[in-house]
C-alpha atoms as a PDB file:
ATOM      1  CA  MET A   1     -29.009 -20.162   4.456  1.00  0.00           C
ATOM      2  CA  ASP A   2     -26.289 -18.887   6.430  1.00  0.00           C
ATOM      3  CA  PHE A   3     -24.508 -16.418   4.834  1.00  0.00           C
ATOM      4  CA  TYR A   4     -21.606 -16.936   7.476  1.00  0.00           C
ATOM      5  CA  LEU A   5     -21.400 -20.216   5.593  1.00  0.00           C
ATOM      6  CA  LEU A   6     -21.420 -18.929   1.918  1.00  0.00           C
ATOM      7  CA  ARG A   7     -18.670 -16.032   3.130  1.00  0.00           C
ATOM      8  CA  SER A   8     -16.644 -18.893   4.276  1.00  0.00           C
ATOM      9  CA  PHE A   9     -17.354 -21.320   0.967  1.00  0.00           C
ATOM     10  CA  GLN A  10     -16.568 -18.018  -0.942  1.00  0.00           C
ATOM     11  CA  GLU A  11     -12.953 -17.611   0.622  1.00  0.00           C
ATOM     12  CA  VAL A  12     -12.023 -21.454   0.675  1.00  0.00           C
ATOM     13  CA  ALA A  13     -13.302 -21.517  -2.810  1.00  0.00           C
ATOM     14  CA  ARG A  14     -11.061 -18.773  -4.135  1.00  0.00           C
ATOM     15  CA  ARG A  15      -8.007 -19.270  -1.586  1.00  0.00           C
ATOM     16  CA  GLY A  16      -8.235 -23.749  -3.074  1.00  0.00           C
ATOM     17  CA  SER A  17      -6.981 -24.330   0.752  1.00  0.00           C
ATOM     18  CA  ILE A  18      -8.932 -24.197   4.252  1.00  0.00           C
ATOM     19  CA  THR A  19      -5.766 -23.512   6.006  1.00  0.00           C
ATOM     20  CA  ALA A  20      -5.217 -20.348   3.958  1.00  0.00           C
ATOM     21  CA  ALA A  21      -9.130 -19.334   3.621  1.00  0.00           C
ATOM     22  CA  ALA A  22      -9.133 -19.931   8.038  1.00  0.00           C
ATOM     23  CA  ARG A  23      -5.772 -17.499   7.761  1.00  0.00           C
ATOM     24  CA  SER A  24      -7.272 -15.049   5.375  1.00  0.00           C
ATOM     25  CA  LEU A  25     -10.588 -15.016   7.635  1.00  0.00           C
ATOM     26  CA  GLY A  26      -8.835 -14.977  10.797  1.00  0.00           C
ATOM     27  CA  VAL A  27     -10.212 -18.165  12.194  1.00  0.00           C
ATOM     28  CA  SER A  28      -9.154 -21.676  13.084  1.00  0.00           C
ATOM     29  CA  GLN A  29      -8.839 -24.269  10.645  1.00  0.00           C
ATOM     30  CA  PRO A  30     -11.019 -26.983  12.758  1.00  0.00           C
ATOM     31  CA  SER A  31     -13.580 -24.263  12.961  1.00  0.00           C
ATOM     32  CA  LEU A  32     -13.858 -23.204   9.419  1.00  0.00           C
ATOM     33  CA  THR A  33     -13.728 -27.164   8.224  1.00  0.00           C
ATOM     34  CA  LEU A  34     -16.836 -27.509  10.652  1.00  0.00           C
ATOM     35  CA  ALA A  35     -18.294 -24.864   8.742  1.00  0.00           C
ATOM     36  CA  MET A  36     -18.044 -26.410   5.623  1.00  0.00           C
ATOM     37  CA  GLN A  37     -19.328 -29.466   6.503  1.00  0.00           C
ATOM     38  CA  ARG A  38     -22.256 -27.931   8.250  1.00  0.00           C
ATOM     39  CA  LEU A  39     -22.888 -25.731   4.766  1.00  0.00           C
ATOM     40  CA  GLU A  40     -22.613 -29.656   2.716  1.00  0.00           C
ATOM     41  CA  ARG A  41     -25.148 -30.815   5.478  1.00  0.00           C
ATOM     42  CA  GLU A  42     -27.675 -27.825   4.704  1.00  0.00           C
ATOM     43  CA  LEU A  43     -27.490 -28.364   1.259  1.00  0.00           C
ATOM     44  CA  GLY A  44     -27.447 -32.405   0.960  1.00  0.00           C
ATOM     45  CA  THR A  45     -24.163 -32.416  -0.950  1.00  0.00           C
ATOM     46  CA  THR A  46     -20.213 -33.151  -1.274  1.00  0.00           C
ATOM     47  CA  LEU A  47     -19.303 -29.513  -2.261  1.00  0.00           C
ATOM     48  CA  LEU A  48     -15.331 -29.839  -1.807  1.00  0.00           C
ATOM     49  CA  HIS A  49     -12.917 -32.616  -2.592  1.00  0.00           C
ATOM     50  CA  ARG A  50     -10.386 -32.372   0.250  1.00  0.00           C
ATOM     51  CA  GLY A  51      -6.651 -34.005  -0.237  1.00  0.00           C
ATOM     52  CA  ARG A  52      -2.837 -33.401   0.758  1.00  0.00           C
ATOM     53  CA  SER A  53      -2.452 -30.132  -1.623  1.00  0.00           C
ATOM     54  CA  GLY A  54      -5.542 -28.816  -0.748  1.00  0.00           C
ATOM     55  CA  VAL A  55      -9.450 -29.046  -1.832  1.00  0.00           C
ATOM     56  CA  ALA A  56     -11.255 -28.783  -4.827  1.00  0.00           C
ATOM     57  CA  LEU A  57     -14.194 -28.090  -5.900  1.00  0.00           C
ATOM     58  CA  THR A  58     -16.949 -30.613  -7.146  1.00  0.00           C
ATOM     59  CA  GLU A  59     -19.286 -30.341  -9.731  1.00  0.00           C
ATOM     60  CA  THR A  60     -22.380 -28.992  -7.363  1.00  0.00           C
ATOM     61  CA  GLY A  61     -19.335 -26.940  -5.614  1.00  0.00           C
ATOM     62  CA  LEU A  62     -18.549 -24.993  -8.608  1.00  0.00           C
ATOM     63  CA  ALA A  63     -22.414 -24.640  -9.238  1.00  0.00           C
ATOM     64  CA  LEU A  64     -22.245 -22.810  -5.855  1.00  0.00           C
ATOM     65  CA  ALA A  65     -19.389 -20.554  -6.223  1.00  0.00           C
ATOM     66  CA  ARG A  66     -20.620 -19.716  -9.659  1.00  0.00           C
ATOM     67  CA  ASP A  67     -23.390 -17.898  -7.895  1.00  0.00           C
ATOM     68  CA  VAL A  68     -22.238 -16.984  -4.378  1.00  0.00           C
ATOM     69  CA  ASP A  69     -20.562 -13.740  -5.490  1.00  0.00           C
ATOM     70  CA  ASP A  70     -23.666 -12.379  -6.820  1.00  0.00           C
ATOM     71  CA  ILE A  71     -25.698 -13.652  -3.738  1.00  0.00           C
ATOM     72  CA  LEU A  72     -23.507 -12.277  -1.670  1.00  0.00           C
ATOM     73  CA  ALA A  73     -23.217  -8.943  -3.339  1.00  0.00           C
ATOM     74  CA  MET A  74     -26.809  -8.842  -3.271  1.00  0.00           C
ATOM     75  CA  VAL A  75     -26.694  -9.253   0.265  1.00  0.00           C
ATOM     76  CA  ALA A  76     -23.841  -6.658   0.238  1.00  0.00           C
ATOM     77  CA  ARG A  77     -26.267  -3.885  -1.281  1.00  0.00           C
ATOM     78  CA  THR A  78     -29.373  -4.621   0.859  1.00  0.00           C
ATOM     79  CA  GLU A  79     -27.035  -4.590   4.399  1.00  0.00           C
ATOM     80  CA  GLN A  80     -25.984  -1.041   2.741  1.00  0.00           C
ATOM     81  CA  ARG A  81     -29.325   0.637   2.256  1.00  0.00           C
ATOM     82  CA  ILE A  82     -30.385  -1.022   5.619  1.00  0.00           C
ATOM     83  CA  ARG A  83     -27.380   1.375   7.040  1.00  0.00           C
ATOM     84  CA  GLY A  84     -28.291   4.307   5.319  1.00  0.00           C
ATOM     85  CA  LEU A  85     -25.394   4.934   3.201  1.00  0.00           C
ATOM     86  CA  GLU A  86     -27.086   5.699   0.320  1.00  0.00           C
ATOM     87  CA  GLU A  87     -27.781   8.865   2.107  1.00  0.00           C
ATOM     88  CA  GLU A  88     -25.596   9.728   5.155  1.00  0.00           C
ATOM     89  CA  GLU A  89     -22.033  10.139   5.545  1.00  0.00           C
ATOM     90  CA  THR A  90     -21.509   6.534   7.135  1.00  0.00           C
ATOM     91  CA  GLY A  91     -19.675   3.198   6.353  1.00  0.00           C
ATOM     92  CA  ARG A  92     -16.717   1.359   6.298  1.00  0.00           C
ATOM     93  CA  PHE A  93     -13.754   1.752   4.429  1.00  0.00           C
ATOM     94  CA  VAL A  94     -10.464   0.282   4.097  1.00  0.00           C
ATOM     95  CA  VAL A  95      -7.746   2.825   3.521  1.00  0.00           C
ATOM     96  CA  GLY A  96      -4.615   1.036   2.205  1.00  0.00           C
ATOM     97  CA  CYS A  97      -0.693   2.594   2.015  1.00  0.00           C
ATOM     98  CA  HIS A  98       2.715   2.020   2.602  1.00  0.00           C
ATOM     99  CA  GLU A  99       4.281   2.126   5.944  1.00  0.00           C
ATOM    100  CA  SER A 100       6.410   5.010   5.401  1.00  0.00           C
ATOM    101  CA  LEU A 101       3.937   7.321   3.429  1.00  0.00           C
ATOM    102  CA  GLY A 102       1.501   6.583   5.718  1.00  0.00           C
ATOM    103  CA  ALA A 103       3.673   7.698   8.685  1.00  0.00           C
ATOM    104  CA  TYR A 104       3.839  11.275   7.336  1.00  0.00           C
ATOM    105  CA  PHE A 105       0.791  11.304   5.367  1.00  0.00           C
ATOM    106  CA  LEU A 106      -1.914   9.743   7.737  1.00  0.00           C
ATOM    107  CA  PRO A 107      -1.378  11.596  11.235  1.00  0.00           C
ATOM    108  CA  ALA A 108      -3.347  14.957   9.768  1.00  0.00           C
ATOM    109  CA  PHE A 109      -5.434  13.415   7.995  1.00  0.00           C
ATOM    110  CA  MET A 110      -6.621  11.029  10.232  1.00  0.00           C
ATOM    111  CA  GLN A 111      -6.868  13.781  13.077  1.00  0.00           C
ATOM    112  CA  SER A 112      -9.181  16.039  10.778  1.00  0.00           C
ATOM    113  CA  PHE A 113     -11.021  13.416   9.403  1.00  0.00           C
ATOM    114  CA  LEU A 114     -12.026  11.570  12.359  1.00  0.00           C
ATOM    115  CA  VAL A 115     -13.494  14.180  13.942  1.00  0.00           C
ATOM    116  CA  GLU A 116     -15.214  15.781  10.971  1.00  0.00           C
ATOM    117  CA  ALA A 117     -16.683  12.511   9.930  1.00  0.00           C
ATOM    118  CA  PRO A 118     -17.879  10.384  12.842  1.00  0.00           C
ATOM    119  CA  GLY A 119     -19.850   8.199  11.046  1.00  0.00           C
ATOM    120  CA  ILE A 120     -17.285   6.419   8.975  1.00  0.00           C
ATOM    121  CA  GLU A 121     -15.338   3.755   9.900  1.00  0.00           C
ATOM    122  CA  LEU A 122     -11.342   3.317   9.033  1.00  0.00           C
ATOM    123  CA  THR A 123      -9.314   0.329   8.678  1.00  0.00           C
ATOM    124  CA  LEU A 124      -5.763   0.881   7.656  1.00  0.00           C
ATOM    125  CA  TRP A 125      -4.086  -1.463   5.481  1.00  0.00           C
ATOM    126  CA  ASN A 126       0.086  -1.735   4.721  1.00  0.00           C
ATOM    127  CA  GLY A 127       2.012  -3.135   2.632  1.00  0.00           C
ATOM    128  CA  SER A 128       4.272  -2.017  -0.910  1.00  0.00           C
ATOM    129  CA  SER A 129       2.436   0.440  -3.425  1.00  0.00           C
ATOM    130  CA  ALA A 130       2.321  -2.605  -5.829  1.00  0.00           C
ATOM    131  CA  GLY A 131       0.779  -4.424  -2.917  1.00  0.00           C
ATOM    132  CA  VAL A 132      -1.815  -1.635  -2.004  1.00  0.00           C
ATOM    133  CA  ARG A 133      -3.076  -1.047  -6.031  1.00  0.00           C
ATOM    134  CA  ASP A 134      -3.326  -5.210  -6.329  1.00  0.00           C
ATOM    135  CA  ALA A 135      -5.262  -4.995  -3.136  1.00  0.00           C
ATOM    136  CA  VAL A 136      -7.579  -2.008  -4.346  1.00  0.00           C
ATOM    137  CA  VAL A 137      -8.194  -4.067  -7.916  1.00  0.00           C
ATOM    138  CA  ALA A 138      -8.698  -7.160  -5.827  1.00  0.00           C
ATOM    139  CA  ARG A 139     -11.629  -4.898  -3.430  1.00  0.00           C
ATOM    140  CA  GLU A 140      -9.635  -5.354  -0.328  1.00  0.00           C
ATOM    141  CA  VAL A 141      -9.017  -2.070  -0.090  1.00  0.00           C
ATOM    142  CA  HIS A 142     -11.050   0.924  -0.932  1.00  0.00           C
ATOM    143  CA  PHE A 143      -8.666   3.935  -1.580  1.00  0.00           C
ATOM    144  CA  GLY A 144      -4.975   3.690  -1.863  1.00  0.00           C
ATOM    145  CA  VAL A 145      -2.410   6.076  -1.134  1.00  0.00           C
ATOM    146  CA  VAL A 146       0.017   4.795  -4.332  1.00  0.00           C
ATOM    147  CA  VAL A 147       3.914   5.917  -5.117  1.00  0.00           C
ATOM    148  CA  ASN A 148       3.980   5.523  -9.011  1.00  0.00           C
ATOM    149  CA  PRO A 149       1.230   3.330  -9.602  1.00  0.00           C
ATOM    150  CA  SER A 150       0.748   1.376 -13.194  1.00  0.00           C
ATOM    151  CA  PRO A 151      -2.714   1.953 -14.914  1.00  0.00           C
ATOM    152  CA  HIS A 152      -5.283  -0.944 -14.646  1.00  0.00           C
ATOM    153  CA  PRO A 153      -8.370  -0.801 -16.385  1.00  0.00           C
ATOM    154  CA  ASP A 154     -10.339  -0.992 -13.605  1.00  0.00           C
ATOM    155  CA  LEU A 155      -8.544   1.833 -11.781  1.00  0.00           C
ATOM    156  CA  VAL A 156      -9.289   5.559 -11.679  1.00  0.00           C
ATOM    157  CA  LEU A 157      -5.664   7.269 -10.667  1.00  0.00           C
ATOM    158  CA  VAL A 158      -5.680  10.887  -8.917  1.00  0.00           C
ATOM    159  CA  ARG A 159      -2.426  12.424  -8.632  1.00  0.00           C
ATOM    160  CA  MET A 160      -2.284  13.949  -5.717  1.00  0.00           C
ATOM    161  CA  PHE A 161       1.364  15.471  -5.038  1.00  0.00           C
ATOM    162  CA  GLU A 162       4.865  14.401  -5.736  1.00  0.00           C
ATOM    163  CA  ASP A 163       8.164  13.118  -4.008  1.00  0.00           C
ATOM    164  CA  ALA A 164      11.526  12.593  -5.233  1.00  0.00           C
ATOM    165  CA  VAL A 165      14.036   9.473  -3.768  1.00  0.00           C
ATOM    166  CA  ASP A 166      17.345  11.289  -2.866  1.00  0.00           C
ATOM    167  CA  PHE A 167      20.694  10.879  -0.827  1.00  0.00           C
ATOM    168  CA  PHE A 168      20.534  12.017   2.013  1.00  0.00           C
ATOM    169  CA  THR A 169      23.249  12.521   5.063  1.00  0.00           C
ATOM    170  CA  ALA A 170      22.756  13.426   9.126  1.00  0.00           C
ATOM    171  CA  GLU A 171      26.237  15.200   8.287  1.00  0.00           C
ATOM    172  CA  SER A 172      26.887  18.712   6.453  1.00  0.00           C
ATOM    173  CA  PRO A 173      26.085  18.534   2.756  1.00  0.00           C
ATOM    174  CA  ALA A 174      28.767  17.858   0.794  1.00  0.00           C
ATOM    175  CA  ARG A 175      30.207  20.972  -0.959  1.00  0.00           C
ATOM    176  CA  THR A 176      31.031  19.872  -4.204  1.00  0.00           C
ATOM    177  CA  LEU A 177      30.168  16.906  -6.243  1.00  0.00           C
ATOM    178  CA  SER A 178      33.322  14.976  -6.071  1.00  0.00           C
ATOM    179  CA  VAL A 179      32.989  15.710  -2.688  1.00  0.00           C
ATOM    180  CA  ALA A 180      29.546  13.791  -2.601  1.00  0.00           C
ATOM    181  CA  TYR A 181      30.858  10.811  -4.903  1.00  0.00           C
ATOM    182  CA  ASP A 182      34.256  10.404  -2.196  1.00  0.00           C
ATOM    183  CA  ARG A 183      31.349  10.827   0.417  1.00  0.00           C
ATOM    184  CA  ILE A 184      29.363   8.059  -1.091  1.00  0.00           C
ATOM    185  CA  ARG A 185      32.353   5.922  -1.659  1.00  0.00           C
ATOM    186  CA  ARG A 186      33.587   5.456   1.488  1.00  0.00           C
ATOM    187  CA  GLY A 187      30.229   4.773   2.467  1.00  0.00           C
ATOM    188  CA  PRO A 188      28.445   2.772   3.641  1.00  0.00           C
ATOM    189  CA  LEU A 189      25.469   3.438   1.485  1.00  0.00           C
ATOM    190  CA  VAL A 190      22.204   2.857   3.323  1.00  0.00           C
ATOM    191  CA  HIS A 191      19.093   1.764   1.095  1.00  0.00           C
ATOM    192  CA  ALA A 192      15.806  -0.357   1.177  1.00  0.00           C
ATOM    193  CA  LYS A 193      17.146  -3.344  -1.132  1.00  0.00           C
ATOM    194  CA  ARG A 194      13.616  -3.986  -2.249  1.00  0.00           C
ATOM    195  CA  VAL A 195      12.663  -0.289  -3.636  1.00  0.00           C
ATOM    196  CA  THR A 196      13.321   0.094  -7.545  1.00  0.00           C
ATOM    197  CA  GLU A 197      14.565   3.590  -7.610  1.00  0.00           C
ATOM    198  CA  SER A 198      17.092   3.114  -4.693  1.00  0.00           C
ATOM    199  CA  GLN A 199      18.487   0.112  -6.864  1.00  0.00           C
ATOM    200  CA  ALA A 200      17.982   2.292 -10.216  1.00  0.00           C
ATOM    201  CA  LEU A 201      20.302   5.040  -8.028  1.00  0.00           C
ATOM    202  CA  ILE A 202      22.910   2.580  -7.530  1.00  0.00           C
ATOM    203  CA  ILE A 203      23.509   1.448 -10.621  1.00  0.00           C
ATOM    204  CA  GLN A 204      23.482   4.637 -12.325  1.00  0.00           C
ATOM    205  CA  LEU A 205      26.334   5.878  -9.948  1.00  0.00           C
ATOM    206  CA  GLU A 206      28.191   2.684 -10.552  1.00  0.00           C
ATOM    207  CA  GLY A 207      27.943   3.849 -14.103  1.00  0.00           C
ATOM    208  CA  GLU A 208      29.653   6.520 -13.855  1.00  0.00           C
ATOM    209  CA  GLY A 209      32.419   4.574 -11.318  1.00  0.00           C
ATOM    210  CA  VAL A 210      31.126   5.699  -7.770  1.00  0.00           C
ATOM    211  CA  VAL A 211      30.665   2.343  -6.229  1.00  0.00           C
ATOM    212  CA  ALA A 212      30.459   2.403  -2.326  1.00  0.00           C
ATOM    213  CA  GLU A 213      33.273   0.851  -0.475  1.00  0.00           C
ATOM    214  CA  ARG A 214      30.377  -0.678   1.888  1.00  0.00           C
ATOM    215  CA  GLU A 215      26.812  -1.580   1.346  1.00  0.00           C
ATOM    216  CA  LEU A 216      23.684  -1.482   4.250  1.00  0.00           C
ATOM    217  CA  SER A 217      20.878  -3.163   2.521  1.00  0.00           C
ATOM    218  CA  CYS A 218      17.884  -2.852   5.000  1.00  0.00           C
ATOM    219  CA  GLY A 219      14.319  -4.146   4.609  1.00  0.00           C
ATOM    220  CA  ASP A 220      12.257  -0.562   5.027  1.00  0.00           C
ATOM    221  CA  PHE A 221      13.097   3.307   4.664  1.00  0.00           C
ATOM    222  CA  GLU A 222      12.118   3.688   8.288  1.00  0.00           C
ATOM    223  CA  LEU A 223      15.266   1.350   9.180  1.00  0.00           C
ATOM    224  CA  VAL A 224      17.544   3.463   6.652  1.00  0.00           C
ATOM    225  CA  LYS A 225      16.140   6.489   8.123  1.00  0.00           C
ATOM    226  CA  THR A 226      17.026   5.899  11.525  1.00  0.00           C
ATOM    227  CA  LEU A 227      20.398   4.441  10.989  1.00  0.00           C
ATOM    228  CA  VAL A 228      21.406   7.647   8.863  1.00  0.00           C
ATOM    229  CA  LEU A 229      20.247   9.800  11.696  1.00  0.00           C
ATOM    230  CA  GLU A 230      22.603   7.942  14.035  1.00  0.00           C
ATOM    231  CA  GLY A 231      25.745   8.939  11.740  1.00  0.00           C
ATOM    232  CA  ILE A 232      25.930   5.708   9.854  1.00  0.00           C
ATOM    233  CA  GLY A 233      26.564   6.390   5.893  1.00  0.00           C
ATOM    234  CA  ILE A 234      24.728   8.157   3.477  1.00  0.00           C
ATOM    235  CA  GLY A 235      20.836   6.775   3.002  1.00  0.00           C
ATOM    236  CA  ILE A 236      19.008   6.542  -0.292  1.00  0.00           C
ATOM    237  CA  LEU A 237      15.443   8.099   1.126  1.00  0.00           C
ATOM    238  CA  PRO A 238      12.484  10.079  -0.560  1.00  0.00           C
ATOM    239  CA  ARG A 239      12.479  13.100   0.264  1.00  0.00           C
ATOM    240  CA  ARG A 240       9.260  13.804   1.895  1.00  0.00           C
ATOM    241  CA  VAL A 241      10.247  10.649   4.305  1.00  0.00           C
ATOM    242  CA  ALA A 242      13.391  11.946   4.776  1.00  0.00           C
ATOM    243  CA  ALA A 243      11.800  15.293   6.476  1.00  0.00           C
ATOM    244  CA  TYR A 244       9.134  14.231   8.452  1.00  0.00           C
ATOM    245  CA  GLY A 245      10.198  13.945  12.241  1.00  0.00           C
ATOM    246  CA  ALA A 246      13.297  14.717  11.551  1.00  0.00           C
ATOM    247  CA  GLY A 247      13.523  18.414  12.054  1.00  0.00           C
ATOM    248  CA  GLU A 248      16.826  19.139  10.864  1.00  0.00           C
ATOM    249  CA  GLY A 249      18.587  16.345  10.980  1.00  0.00           C
ATOM    250  CA  LEU A 250      19.238  15.065   7.397  1.00  0.00           C
ATOM    251  CA  VAL A 251      19.915  17.216   4.799  1.00  0.00           C
ATOM    252  CA  ARG A 252      20.163  16.037   1.085  1.00  0.00           C
ATOM    253  CA  LEU A 253      24.294  15.047  -0.002  1.00  0.00           C
ATOM    254  CA  HIS A 254      24.504  17.709  -2.895  1.00  0.00           C
ATOM    255  CA  PRO A 255      21.763  18.748  -5.404  1.00  0.00           C
ATOM    256  CA  ASP A 256      23.334  17.639  -8.388  1.00  0.00           C
ATOM    257  CA  LEU A 257      23.227  13.836  -7.344  1.00  0.00           C
ATOM    258  CA  PRO A 258      20.786  11.855  -9.747  1.00  0.00           C
ATOM    259  CA  HIS A 259      17.509  11.569  -7.757  1.00  0.00           C
ATOM    260  CA  PHE A 260      14.331   9.963  -9.283  1.00  0.00           C
ATOM    261  CA  ASP A 261      10.756  11.685  -9.378  1.00  0.00           C
ATOM    262  CA  ASP A 262       8.029   9.614  -7.263  1.00  0.00           C
ATOM    263  CA  ALA A 263       4.065  10.939  -8.362  1.00  0.00           C
ATOM    264  CA  ILE A 264       1.843   9.926  -5.385  1.00  0.00           C
ATOM    265  CA  HIS A 265      -1.629   9.039  -6.242  1.00  0.00           C
ATOM    266  CA  LEU A 266      -5.084   8.196  -4.917  1.00  0.00           C
ATOM    267  CA  VAL A 267      -6.290   4.872  -6.352  1.00  0.00           C
ATOM    268  CA  TYR A 268      -9.989   3.288  -6.524  1.00  0.00           C
ATOM    269  CA  ARG A 269     -11.764   1.355  -8.533  1.00  0.00           C
ATOM    270  CA  GLY A 270     -13.984   2.745 -11.359  1.00  0.00           C
ATOM    271  CA  ASP A 271     -17.104   0.965 -10.072  1.00  0.00           C
ATOM    272  CA  LEU A 272     -16.780   1.423  -6.707  1.00  0.00           C
ATOM    273  CA  HIS A 273     -20.169   2.400  -4.578  1.00  0.00           C
ATOM    274  CA  LYS A 274     -20.216   5.599  -4.506  1.00  0.00           C
ATOM    275  CA  THR A 275     -22.281   6.320  -1.298  1.00  0.00           C
ATOM    276  CA  ARG A 276     -22.511   9.440   0.441  1.00  0.00           C
ATOM    277  CA  GLY A 277     -19.743   8.455   2.820  1.00  0.00           C
ATOM    278  CA  ALA A 278     -17.402   6.738   0.218  1.00  0.00           C
ATOM    279  CA  MET A 279     -17.230  10.139  -1.917  1.00  0.00           C
ATOM    280  CA  ARG A 280     -16.970  12.052   1.294  1.00  0.00           C
ATOM    281  CA  LEU A 281     -13.773  10.000   2.435  1.00  0.00           C
ATOM    282  CA  LYS A 282     -12.535  10.004  -1.348  1.00  0.00           C
ATOM    283  CA  ASP A 283     -12.511  14.057  -1.428  1.00  0.00           C
ATOM    284  CA  ALA A 284     -11.232  14.417   1.859  1.00  0.00           C
ATOM    285  CA  LEU A 285      -8.246  12.192   0.981  1.00  0.00           C
ATOM    286  CA  VAL A 286      -7.628  14.034  -2.355  1.00  0.00           C
ATOM    287  CA  ALA A 287      -7.532  17.119  -0.434  1.00  0.00           C
ATOM    288  CA  HIS A 288      -5.438  16.473   1.846  1.00  0.00           C
ATOM    289  CA  GLY A 289      -3.205  14.698  -0.621  1.00  0.00           C
ATOM    290  CA  LYS A 290      -3.144  18.237  -3.220  1.00  0.00           C
ATOM    291  CA  ALA A 291      -2.184  20.626   0.307  1.00  0.00           C
ATOM    292  CA  LEU A 292       1.174  18.795   0.727  1.00  0.00           C
ATOM    293  CA  ARG A 293       1.924  20.093  -3.029  1.00  0.00           C
ATOM    294  CA  SER A 294       2.443  23.242  -1.424  1.00  0.00           C
ATOM    295  CA  ALA A 295       5.098  21.555   0.878  1.00  0.00           C
ATOM    296  CA  PRO A 296       8.933  22.585   0.497  1.00  0.00           C
ATOM    297  CA  ARG A 297      10.081  20.062  -2.401  1.00  0.00           C
ATOM    298  CA  SER A 298      14.135  20.902  -3.722  1.00  0.00           C
ATOM    299  CA  SER A 299      13.641  19.581  -7.476  1.00  0.00           C
ATOM    300  CA  THR A 300      16.988  20.299  -8.459  1.00  0.00           C
ATOM    301  CA  GLY A 301      19.661  17.336  -9.547  1.00  0.00           C
ATOM    302  CA  ARG A 302      19.458  15.160 -12.357  1.00  0.00           C
ATOM    303  CA  LYS A 303      16.520  12.558 -13.282  1.00  0.00           C
ATOM    304  CA  PRO A 304      17.305   9.377 -14.846  1.00  0.00           C
ATOM    305  CA  GLY A 305      13.702   9.015 -15.472  1.00  0.00           C
ATOM    306  CA  PRO A 306      10.324   7.278 -13.974  1.00  0.00           C
ATOM    307  CA  VAL A 307       9.982   3.942 -12.555  1.00  0.00           C
ATOM    308  CA  SER A 308       7.465   1.674 -11.631  1.00  0.00           C
ATOM    309  CA  SER A 309       5.783   1.360  -8.318  1.00  0.00           C
ATOM    310  CA  ARG A 310       7.444   0.514  -5.063  1.00  0.00           C
END
């Protein structure tokens, strides 16, 4: 039996749609449809009921779906042994993280790791921290660098370093808290709308009567940073994101403004196949992350409390 056909069927069964499965597999819908027809011919049965809303498994399709994960997992383990992954620093792994976090975390790590471990191939996966965590749970990502991850029974969480979401300006810092409040009121207040910490800080200030006359919401921290560097208003950013690559371009508006402390963890499944290559990569990521603890990071200011991962 062709294992490519089994892997294709596995994805169709998971997605409930040939179109969605084709997109996930990176193939065209017609080619995946032909692959499913070929598998049905080889097995002499109809595996899928096709309809306008997607596909449904027949009785024989359900039977195959129950076994295909075990079959392919066994094949994957065999391939690993053949490639010597148990004994050598080799393997292919996916590392996931948020784009802004990866922008300061990954360059120095990749520069050294790719030289020190030439037998290990890495693929980078970008998304929100919550998305990275979920991708690790789903086995789409081997190791995730995640901000404030929520616990999960299948995951191991290793705390590496800290950060904080704060208020930044490209101008000089405010000399007093009241001046900082006035500058926030004048705005524009630039922030990433989908980030929980940013919204919580805005709500807290509103509760203290500090409401920006103008807000400028963005999709991500990188755009917030770029706009504030150009002198457009006050930005809400993680301190490490504000610091990397900006030199002295951004400064904290005032140390007594509220901020949110973040904890950055390495996240991986507890049942991760602990090959020599996997452990080499895990140890290198943790060592690099813990080395960032020594980087200067001000901890003064009011702390509203922890929030969920962004």
